[in-house]
Amino acid sequence: MKLPVIIESWKKGSWYLARAPELDFISQGRTPEEARKNLFEVISIQFEEMKNMGTLEDYLQECGFEVKDDVLSPQIEIIGFEKSVISVS
């Protein structure tokens, strides 16, 4: 199965974070590449466990993906990001 996801990259102190918001998975590494590699490993391990438990398809549907004939289609689409400043009382 091919799964289209967005990968967010963040820096926190000396660590880099990689996050897949649609799946609610996050990892860290000493470089952006290591964080991304670790994220893919986390996703792979979690999906294998869910597949073994028979819950993977349900999880993907809860995350907003339609599963049909081994093809995954996102039901929502991220159309943009922006940095903003808001007032907090």
PDB file of N, CA and C in Angstrom:
ATOM      1  N   MET A   1       0.834  -1.180   0.000  1.00  0.00           N
ATOM      2  CA  MET A   1       0.000   0.000   0.000  1.00  0.00           C
ATOM      3  C   MET A   1       0.880   1.246   0.000  1.00  0.00           C
ATOM      4  N   LYS A   2       0.478   2.221  -0.745  1.00  0.00           N
ATOM      5  CA  LYS A   2       1.141   3.527  -0.744  1.00  0.00           C
ATOM      6  C   LYS A   2       0.258   4.495   0.030  1.00  0.00           C
ATOM      7  N   LEU A   3       0.881   5.271   0.911  1.00  0.00           N
ATOM      8  CA  LEU A   3       0.142   6.175   1.779  1.00  0.00           C
ATOM      9  C   LEU A   3       0.712   7.585   1.656  1.00  0.00           C
ATOM     10  N   PRO A   4      -0.043   8.518   1.068  1.00  0.00           N
ATOM     11  CA  PRO A   4       0.451   9.892   0.968  1.00  0.00           C
ATOM     12  C   PRO A   4       0.304  10.602   2.314  1.00  0.00           C
ATOM     13  N   VAL A   5       1.405  11.139   2.847  1.00  0.00           N
ATOM     14  CA  VAL A   5       1.359  11.864   4.120  1.00  0.00           C
ATOM     15  C   VAL A   5       2.210  13.129   4.034  1.00  0.00           C
ATOM     16  N   ILE A   6       1.912  14.054   4.906  1.00  0.00           N
ATOM     17  CA  ILE A   6       2.708  15.267   5.061  1.00  0.00           C
ATOM     18  C   ILE A   6       3.723  15.002   6.167  1.00  0.00           C
ATOM     19  N   ILE A   7       4.966  15.403   5.972  1.00  0.00           N
ATOM     20  CA  ILE A   7       5.987  15.294   7.012  1.00  0.00           C
ATOM     21  C   ILE A   7       6.352  16.716   7.444  1.00  0.00           C
ATOM     22  N   GLU A   8       6.078  17.028   8.706  1.00  0.00           N
ATOM     23  CA  GLU A   8       6.484  18.312   9.272  1.00  0.00           C
ATOM     24  C   GLU A   8       7.863  18.138   9.897  1.00  0.00           C
ATOM     25  N   SER A   9       8.714  19.131   9.729  1.00  0.00           N
ATOM     26  CA  SER A   9      10.046  19.110  10.348  1.00  0.00           C
ATOM     27  C   SER A   9      10.162  20.289  11.297  1.00  0.00           C
ATOM     28  N   TRP A  10      10.658  20.008  12.491  1.00  0.00           N
ATOM     29  CA  TRP A  10      10.794  21.015  13.532  1.00  0.00           C
ATOM     30  C   TRP A  10      12.182  20.912  14.149  1.00  0.00           C
ATOM     31  N   LYS A  11      12.642  21.998  14.734  1.00  0.00           N
ATOM     32  CA  LYS A  11      13.883  21.960  15.510  1.00  0.00           C
ATOM     33  C   LYS A  11      13.549  22.381  16.931  1.00  0.00           C
ATOM     34  N   LYS A  12      13.986  21.575  17.896  1.00  0.00           N
ATOM     35  CA  LYS A  12      13.756  21.863  19.315  1.00  0.00           C
ATOM     36  C   LYS A  12      15.086  21.705  20.033  1.00  0.00           C
ATOM     37  N   GLY A  13      15.706  22.827  20.381  1.00  0.00           N
ATOM     38  CA  GLY A  13      17.035  22.771  20.982  1.00  0.00           C
ATOM     39  C   GLY A  13      18.012  22.180  19.981  1.00  0.00           C
ATOM     40  N   SER A  14      18.715  21.139  20.387  1.00  0.00           N
ATOM     41  CA  SER A  14      19.673  20.497  19.479  1.00  0.00           C
ATOM     42  C   SER A  14      19.059  19.301  18.749  1.00  0.00           C
ATOM     43  N   TRP A  15      17.764  19.060  18.924  1.00  0.00           N
ATOM     44  CA  TRP A  15      17.092  17.921  18.298  1.00  0.00           C
ATOM     45  C   TRP A  15      16.213  18.372  17.142  1.00  0.00           C
ATOM     46  N   TYR A  16      16.037  17.465  16.192  1.00  0.00           N
ATOM     47  CA  TYR A  16      15.107  17.676  15.095  1.00  0.00           C
ATOM     48  C   TYR A  16      13.942  16.718  15.279  1.00  0.00           C
ATOM     49  N   LEU A  17      12.742  17.211  14.987  1.00  0.00           N
ATOM     50  CA  LEU A  17      11.534  16.404  15.103  1.00  0.00           C
ATOM     51  C   LEU A  17      10.924  16.234  13.725  1.00  0.00           C
ATOM     52  N   ALA A  18      10.378  15.074  13.472  1.00  0.00           N
ATOM     53  CA  ALA A  18       9.630  14.808  12.243  1.00  0.00           C
ATOM     54  C   ALA A  18       8.265  14.298  12.677  1.00  0.00           C
ATOM     55  N   ARG A  19       7.213  14.862  12.084  1.00  0.00           N
ATOM     56  CA  ARG A  19       5.852  14.518  12.497  1.00  0.00           C
ATOM     57  C   ARG A  19       4.982  14.286  11.273  1.00  0.00           C
ATOM     58  N   ALA A  20       4.151  13.254  11.340  1.00  0.00           N
ATOM     59  CA  ALA A  20       3.143  12.992  10.317  1.00  0.00           C
ATOM     60  C   ALA A  20       1.792  13.325  10.945  1.00  0.00           C
ATOM     61  N   PRO A  21       1.279  14.550  10.735  1.00  0.00           N
ATOM     62  CA  PRO A  21       0.075  14.978  11.447  1.00  0.00           C
ATOM     63  C   PRO A  21      -1.165  14.139  11.150  1.00  0.00           C
ATOM     64  N   GLU A  22      -1.310  13.658   9.927  1.00  0.00           N
ATOM     65  CA  GLU A  22      -2.489  12.843   9.604  1.00  0.00           C
ATOM     66  C   GLU A  22      -2.530  11.564  10.429  1.00  0.00           C
ATOM     67  N   LEU A  23      -1.360  11.041  10.763  1.00  0.00           N
ATOM     68  CA  LEU A  23      -1.271   9.769  11.481  1.00  0.00           C
ATOM     69  C   LEU A  23      -1.015   9.956  12.973  1.00  0.00           C
ATOM     70  N   ASP A  24      -0.675  11.169  13.381  1.00  0.00           N
ATOM     71  CA  ASP A  24      -0.349  11.498  14.772  1.00  0.00           C
ATOM     72  C   ASP A  24       0.863  10.717  15.267  1.00  0.00           C
ATOM     73  N   PHE A  25       1.896  10.628  14.431  1.00  0.00           N
ATOM     74  CA  PHE A  25       3.168  10.004  14.801  1.00  0.00           C
ATOM     75  C   PHE A  25       4.255  11.071  14.780  1.00  0.00           C
ATOM     76  N   ILE A  26       5.214  10.938  15.690  1.00  0.00           N
ATOM     77  CA  ILE A  26       6.325  11.881  15.767  1.00  0.00           C
ATOM     78  C   ILE A  26       7.591  11.125  16.165  1.00  0.00           C
ATOM     79  N   SER A  27       8.740  11.623  15.718  1.00  0.00           N
ATOM     80  CA  SER A  27      10.025  11.025  16.104  1.00  0.00           C
ATOM     81  C   SER A  27      11.054  12.147  16.205  1.00  0.00           C
ATOM     82  N   GLN A  28      12.237  11.801  16.666  1.00  0.00           N
ATOM     83  CA  GLN A  28      13.305  12.790  16.765  1.00  0.00           C
ATOM     84  C   GLN A  28      14.612  12.197  16.274  1.00  0.00           C
ATOM     85  N   GLY A  29      15.554  13.075  15.994  1.00  0.00           N
ATOM     86  CA  GLY A  29      16.885  12.652  15.576  1.00  0.00           C
ATOM     87  C   GLY A  29      17.857  13.801  15.724  1.00  0.00           C
ATOM     88  N   ARG A  30      19.132  13.507  15.549  1.00  0.00           N
ATOM     89  CA  ARG A  30      20.162  14.544  15.676  1.00  0.00           C
ATOM     90  C   ARG A  30      20.287  15.391  14.405  1.00  0.00           C
ATOM     91  N   THR A  31      19.700  14.906  13.305  1.00  0.00           N
ATOM     92  CA  THR A  31      19.654  15.654  12.051  1.00  0.00           C
ATOM     93  C   THR A  31      18.232  15.542  11.504  1.00  0.00           C
ATOM     94  N   PRO A  32      17.842  16.424  10.576  1.00  0.00           N
ATOM     95  CA  PRO A  32      16.511  16.291   9.974  1.00  0.00           C
ATOM     96  C   PRO A  32      16.333  14.934   9.282  1.00  0.00           C
ATOM     97  N   GLU A  33      17.390  14.463   8.648  1.00  0.00           N
ATOM     98  CA  GLU A  33      17.316  13.181   7.941  1.00  0.00           C
ATOM     99  C   GLU A  33      17.107  12.019   8.915  1.00  0.00           C
ATOM    100  N   GLU A  34      17.822  12.064  10.053  1.00  0.00           N
ATOM    101  CA  GLU A  34      17.673  11.003  11.046  1.00  0.00           C
ATOM    102  C   GLU A  34      16.264  11.023  11.652  1.00  0.00           C
ATOM    103  N   ALA A  35      15.729  12.205  11.902  1.00  0.00           N
ATOM    104  CA  ALA A  35      14.373  12.310  12.442  1.00  0.00           C
ATOM    105  C   ALA A  35      13.364  11.727  11.457  1.00  0.00           C
ATOM    106  N   ARG A  36      13.534  12.028  10.177  1.00  0.00           N
ATOM    107  CA  ARG A  36      12.632  11.507   9.137  1.00  0.00           C
ATOM    108  C   ARG A  36      12.761   9.989   9.025  1.00  0.00           C
ATOM    109  N   LYS A  37      13.991   9.487   9.025  1.00  0.00           N
ATOM    110  CA  LYS A  37      14.225   8.039   8.973  1.00  0.00           C
ATOM    111  C   LYS A  37      13.570   7.353  10.174  1.00  0.00           C
ATOM    112  N   ASN A  38      13.735   7.944  11.345  1.00  0.00           N
ATOM    113  CA  ASN A  38      13.133   7.382  12.553  1.00  0.00           C
ATOM    114  C   ASN A  38      11.607   7.408  12.489  1.00  0.00           C
ATOM    115  N   LEU A  39      11.052   8.464  11.888  1.00  0.00           N
ATOM    116  CA  LEU A  39       9.599   8.535  11.736  1.00  0.00           C
ATOM    117  C   LEU A  39       9.094   7.398  10.857  1.00  0.00           C
ATOM    118  N   PHE A  40       9.769   7.157   9.732  1.00  0.00           N
ATOM    119  CA  PHE A  40       9.359   6.062   8.852  1.00  0.00           C
ATOM    120  C   PHE A  40       9.455   4.719   9.563  1.00  0.00           C
ATOM    121  N   GLU A  41      10.468   4.568  10.411  1.00  0.00           N
ATOM    122  CA  GLU A  41      10.611   3.327  11.180  1.00  0.00           C
ATOM    123  C   GLU A  41       9.462   3.171  12.183  1.00  0.00           C
ATOM    124  N   VAL A  42       9.116   4.256  12.870  1.00  0.00           N
ATOM    125  CA  VAL A  42       7.998   4.220  13.821  1.00  0.00           C
ATOM    126  C   VAL A  42       6.706   3.840  13.104  1.00  0.00           C
ATOM    127  N   ILE A  43       6.450   4.482  11.970  1.00  0.00           N
ATOM    128  CA  ILE A  43       5.234   4.193  11.206  1.00  0.00           C
ATOM    129  C   ILE A  43       5.220   2.735  10.774  1.00  0.00           C
ATOM    130  N   SER A  44       6.337   2.244  10.263  1.00  0.00           N
ATOM    131  CA  SER A  44       6.427   0.855   9.807  1.00  0.00           C
ATOM    132  C   SER A  44       6.149  -0.130  10.945  1.00  0.00           C
ATOM    133  N   ILE A  45       6.770   0.099  12.101  1.00  0.00           N
ATOM    134  CA  ILE A  45       6.577  -0.797  13.249  1.00  0.00           C
ATOM    135  C   ILE A  45       5.125  -0.750  13.722  1.00  0.00           C
ATOM    136  N   GLN A  46       4.574   0.449  13.858  1.00  0.00           N
ATOM    137  CA  GLN A  46       3.195   0.581  14.333  1.00  0.00           C
ATOM    138  C   GLN A  46       2.204  -0.052  13.360  1.00  0.00           C
ATOM    139  N   PHE A  47       2.408   0.174  12.060  1.00  0.00           N
ATOM    140  CA  PHE A  47       1.498  -0.405  11.075  1.00  0.00           C
ATOM    141  C   PHE A  47       1.576  -1.926  11.074  1.00  0.00           C
ATOM    142  N   GLU A  48       2.777  -2.471  11.234  1.00  0.00           N
ATOM    143  CA  GLU A  48       2.930  -3.930  11.291  1.00  0.00           C
ATOM    144  C   GLU A  48       2.168  -4.495  12.489  1.00  0.00           C
ATOM    145  N   GLU A  49       2.294  -3.834  13.638  1.00  0.00           N
ATOM    146  CA  GLU A  49       1.569  -4.278  14.837  1.00  0.00           C
ATOM    147  C   GLU A  49       0.063  -4.185  14.627  1.00  0.00           C
ATOM    148  N   MET A  50      -0.404  -3.070  14.065  1.00  0.00           N
ATOM    149  CA  MET A  50      -1.840  -2.905  13.817  1.00  0.00           C
ATOM    150  C   MET A  50      -2.343  -3.941  12.822  1.00  0.00           C
ATOM    151  N   LYS A  51      -1.535  -4.216  11.808  1.00  0.00           N
ATOM    152  CA  LYS A  51      -1.908  -5.227  10.813  1.00  0.00           C
ATOM    153  C   LYS A  51      -2.053  -6.586  11.486  1.00  0.00           C
ATOM    154  N   ASN A  52      -1.103  -6.936  12.352  1.00  0.00           N
ATOM    155  CA  ASN A  52      -1.165  -8.216  13.066  1.00  0.00           C
ATOM    156  C   ASN A  52      -2.380  -8.298  13.986  1.00  0.00           C
ATOM    157  N   MET A  53      -2.790  -7.156  14.548  1.00  0.00           N
ATOM    158  CA  MET A  53      -3.951  -7.129  15.441  1.00  0.00           C
ATOM    159  C   MET A  53      -5.266  -6.982  14.674  1.00  0.00           C
ATOM    160  N   GLY A  54      -5.179  -6.722  13.368  1.00  0.00           N
ATOM    161  CA  GLY A  54      -6.379  -6.562  12.557  1.00  0.00           C
ATOM    162  C   GLY A  54      -7.041  -5.196  12.698  1.00  0.00           C
ATOM    163  N   THR A  55      -6.273  -4.178  13.118  1.00  0.00           N
ATOM    164  CA  THR A  55      -6.855  -2.854  13.343  1.00  0.00           C
ATOM    165  C   THR A  55      -6.329  -1.779  12.391  1.00  0.00           C
ATOM    166  N   LEU A  56      -5.455  -2.131  11.473  1.00  0.00           N
ATOM    167  CA  LEU A  56      -4.819  -1.132  10.611  1.00  0.00           C
ATOM    168  C   LEU A  56      -5.830  -0.387   9.749  1.00  0.00           C
ATOM    169  N   GLU A  57      -6.720  -1.101   9.096  1.00  0.00           N
ATOM    170  CA  GLU A  57      -7.684  -0.451   8.213  1.00  0.00           C
ATOM    171  C   GLU A  57      -8.592   0.499   8.997  1.00  0.00           C
ATOM    172  N   ASP A  58      -9.036   0.082  10.171  1.00  0.00           N
ATOM    173  CA  ASP A  58      -9.868   0.955  11.009  1.00  0.00           C
ATOM    174  C   ASP A  58      -9.099   2.212  11.410  1.00  0.00           C
ATOM    175  N   TYR A  59      -7.831   2.042  11.794  1.00  0.00           N
ATOM    176  CA  TYR A  59      -7.007   3.184  12.193  1.00  0.00           C
ATOM    177  C   TYR A  59      -6.870   4.173  11.036  1.00  0.00           C
ATOM    178  N   LEU A  60      -6.573   3.672   9.856  1.00  0.00           N
ATOM    179  CA  LEU A  60      -6.398   4.551   8.699  1.00  0.00           C
ATOM    180  C   LEU A  60      -7.689   5.295   8.377  1.00  0.00           C
ATOM    181  N   GLN A  61      -8.820   4.628   8.523  1.00  0.00           N
ATOM    182  CA  GLN A  61     -10.102   5.298   8.293  1.00  0.00           C
ATOM    183  C   GLN A  61     -10.332   6.391   9.336  1.00  0.00           C
ATOM    184  N   GLU A  62      -9.968   6.128  10.593  1.00  0.00           N
ATOM    185  CA  GLU A  62     -10.086   7.147  11.643  1.00  0.00           C
ATOM    186  C   GLU A  62      -9.187   8.346  11.353  1.00  0.00           C
ATOM    187  N   CYS A  63      -8.070   8.112  10.684  1.00  0.00           N
ATOM    188  CA  CYS A  63      -7.131   9.186  10.334  1.00  0.00           C
ATOM    189  C   CYS A  63      -7.561   9.951   9.090  1.00  0.00           C
ATOM    190  N   GLY A  64      -8.660   9.545   8.466  1.00  0.00           N
ATOM    191  CA  GLY A  64      -9.174  10.276   7.313  1.00  0.00           C
ATOM    192  C   GLY A  64      -8.812   9.696   5.963  1.00  0.00           C
ATOM    193  N   PHE A  65      -8.403   8.432   5.923  1.00  0.00           N
ATOM    194  CA  PHE A  65      -8.082   7.785   4.657  1.00  0.00           C
ATOM    195  C   PHE A  65      -9.170   6.788   4.293  1.00  0.00           C
ATOM    196  N   GLU A  66      -9.491   6.731   3.018  1.00  0.00           N
ATOM    197  CA  GLU A  66     -10.423   5.725   2.527  1.00  0.00           C
ATOM    198  C   GLU A  66      -9.596   4.563   1.989  1.00  0.00           C
ATOM    199  N   VAL A  67      -9.909   3.368   2.447  1.00  0.00           N
ATOM    200  CA  VAL A  67      -9.193   2.170   2.013  1.00  0.00           C
ATOM    201  C   VAL A  67     -10.108   1.415   1.066  1.00  0.00           C
ATOM    202  N   LYS A  68      -9.657   1.250  -0.182  1.00  0.00           N
ATOM    203  CA  LYS A  68     -10.480   0.565  -1.177  1.00  0.00           C
ATOM    204  C   LYS A  68      -9.567  -0.198  -2.123  1.00  0.00           C
ATOM    205  N   ASP A  69      -9.726  -1.505  -2.148  1.00  0.00           N
ATOM    206  CA  ASP A  69      -8.942  -2.361  -3.053  1.00  0.00           C
ATOM    207  C   ASP A  69      -7.440  -2.102  -2.919  1.00  0.00           C
ATOM    208  N   ASP A  70      -6.950  -2.037  -1.675  1.00  0.00           N
ATOM    209  CA  ASP A  70      -5.530  -1.854  -1.379  1.00  0.00           C
ATOM    210  C   ASP A  70      -4.991  -0.490  -1.827  1.00  0.00           C
ATOM    211  N   VAL A  71      -5.894   0.464  -2.061  1.00  0.00           N
ATOM    212  CA  VAL A  71      -5.500   1.823  -2.424  1.00  0.00           C
ATOM    213  C   VAL A  71      -5.994   2.763  -1.328  1.00  0.00           C
ATOM    214  N   LEU A  72      -5.110   3.645  -0.852  1.00  0.00           N
ATOM    215  CA  LEU A  72      -5.465   4.608   0.190  1.00  0.00           C
ATOM    216  C   LEU A  72      -5.635   5.986  -0.427  1.00  0.00           C
ATOM    217  N   SER A  73      -6.760   6.615  -0.124  1.00  0.00           N
ATOM    218  CA  SER A  73      -7.016   7.964  -0.617  1.00  0.00           C
ATOM    219  C   SER A  73      -7.338   8.865   0.563  1.00  0.00           C
ATOM    220  N   PRO A  74      -6.646  10.008   0.683  1.00  0.00           N
ATOM    221  CA  PRO A  74      -6.965  10.923   1.780  1.00  0.00           C
ATOM    222  C   PRO A  74      -8.321  11.581   1.543  1.00  0.00           C
ATOM    223  N   GLN A  75      -9.106  11.710   2.607  1.00  0.00           N
ATOM    224  CA  GLN A  75     -10.407  12.358   2.506  1.00  0.00           C
ATOM    225  C   GLN A  75     -10.325  13.839   2.871  1.00  0.00           C
ATOM    226  N   ILE A  76      -9.173  14.258   3.405  1.00  0.00           N
ATOM    227  CA  ILE A  76      -8.925  15.669   3.679  1.00  0.00           C
ATOM    228  C   ILE A  76      -7.582  16.037   3.059  1.00  0.00           C
ATOM    229  N   GLU A  77      -7.420  17.309   2.772  1.00  0.00           N
ATOM    230  CA  GLU A  77      -6.179  17.749   2.141  1.00  0.00           C
ATOM    231  C   GLU A  77      -5.671  19.007   2.834  1.00  0.00           C
ATOM    232  N   ILE A  78      -4.419  19.008   3.208  1.00  0.00           N
ATOM    233  CA  ILE A  78      -3.803  20.206   3.765  1.00  0.00           C
ATOM    234  C   ILE A  78      -3.510  21.148   2.601  1.00  0.00           C
ATOM    235  N   ILE A  79      -4.022  22.366   2.702  1.00  0.00           N
ATOM    236  CA  ILE A  79      -3.854  23.302   1.590  1.00  0.00           C
ATOM    237  C   ILE A  79      -2.893  24.439   1.905  1.00  0.00           C
ATOM    238  N   GLY A  80      -2.381  24.500   3.128  1.00  0.00           N
ATOM    239  CA  GLY A  80      -1.416  25.548   3.416  1.00  0.00           C
ATOM    240  C   GLY A  80      -1.022  25.603   4.879  1.00  0.00           C
ATOM    241  N   PHE A  81       0.067  26.300   5.113  1.00  0.00           N
ATOM    242  CA  PHE A  81       0.579  26.561   6.451  1.00  0.00           C
ATOM    243  C   PHE A  81       0.939  28.031   6.515  1.00  0.00           C
ATOM    244  N   GLU A  82       0.846  28.593   7.684  1.00  0.00           N
ATOM    245  CA  GLU A  82       1.342  29.948   7.872  1.00  0.00           C
ATOM    246  C   GLU A  82       1.767  30.133   9.320  1.00  0.00           C
ATOM    247  N   LYS A  83       2.771  30.961   9.505  1.00  0.00           N
ATOM    248  CA  LYS A  83       3.151  31.366  10.856  1.00  0.00           C
ATOM    249  C   LYS A  83       2.359  32.621  11.166  1.00  0.00           C
ATOM    250  N   SER A  84       1.837  32.688  12.365  1.00  0.00           N
ATOM    251  CA  SER A  84       1.017  33.813  12.755  1.00  0.00           C
ATOM    252  C   SER A  84       1.288  34.154  14.207  1.00  0.00           C
ATOM    253  N   VAL A  85       0.938  35.353  14.606  1.00  0.00           N
ATOM    254  CA  VAL A  85       1.055  35.779  15.994  1.00  0.00           C
ATOM    255  C   VAL A  85      -0.331  36.198  16.457  1.00  0.00           C
ATOM    256  N   ILE A  86      -0.744  35.657  17.609  1.00  0.00           N
ATOM    257  CA  ILE A  86      -2.045  36.029  18.149  1.00  0.00           C
ATOM    258  C   ILE A  86      -1.853  36.639  19.533  1.00  0.00           C
ATOM    259  N   SER A  87      -2.796  37.455  19.940  1.00  0.00           N
ATOM    260  CA  SER A  87      -2.752  38.056  21.271  1.00  0.00           C
ATOM    261  C   SER A  87      -3.343  37.088  22.276  1.00  0.00           C
ATOM    262  N   VAL A  88      -2.658  36.955  23.407  1.00  0.00           N
ATOM    263  CA  VAL A  88      -3.133  36.090  24.478  1.00  0.00           C
ATOM    264  C   VAL A  88      -3.313  36.967  25.710  1.00  0.00           C
ATOM    265  N   SER A  89      -4.483  36.908  26.297  1.00  0.00           N
ATOM    266  CA  SER A  89      -4.769  37.744  27.479  1.00  0.00           C
ATOM    267  C   SER A  89      -4.077  37.230  28.698  1.00  0.00           C
TER     268      SER A  89
END
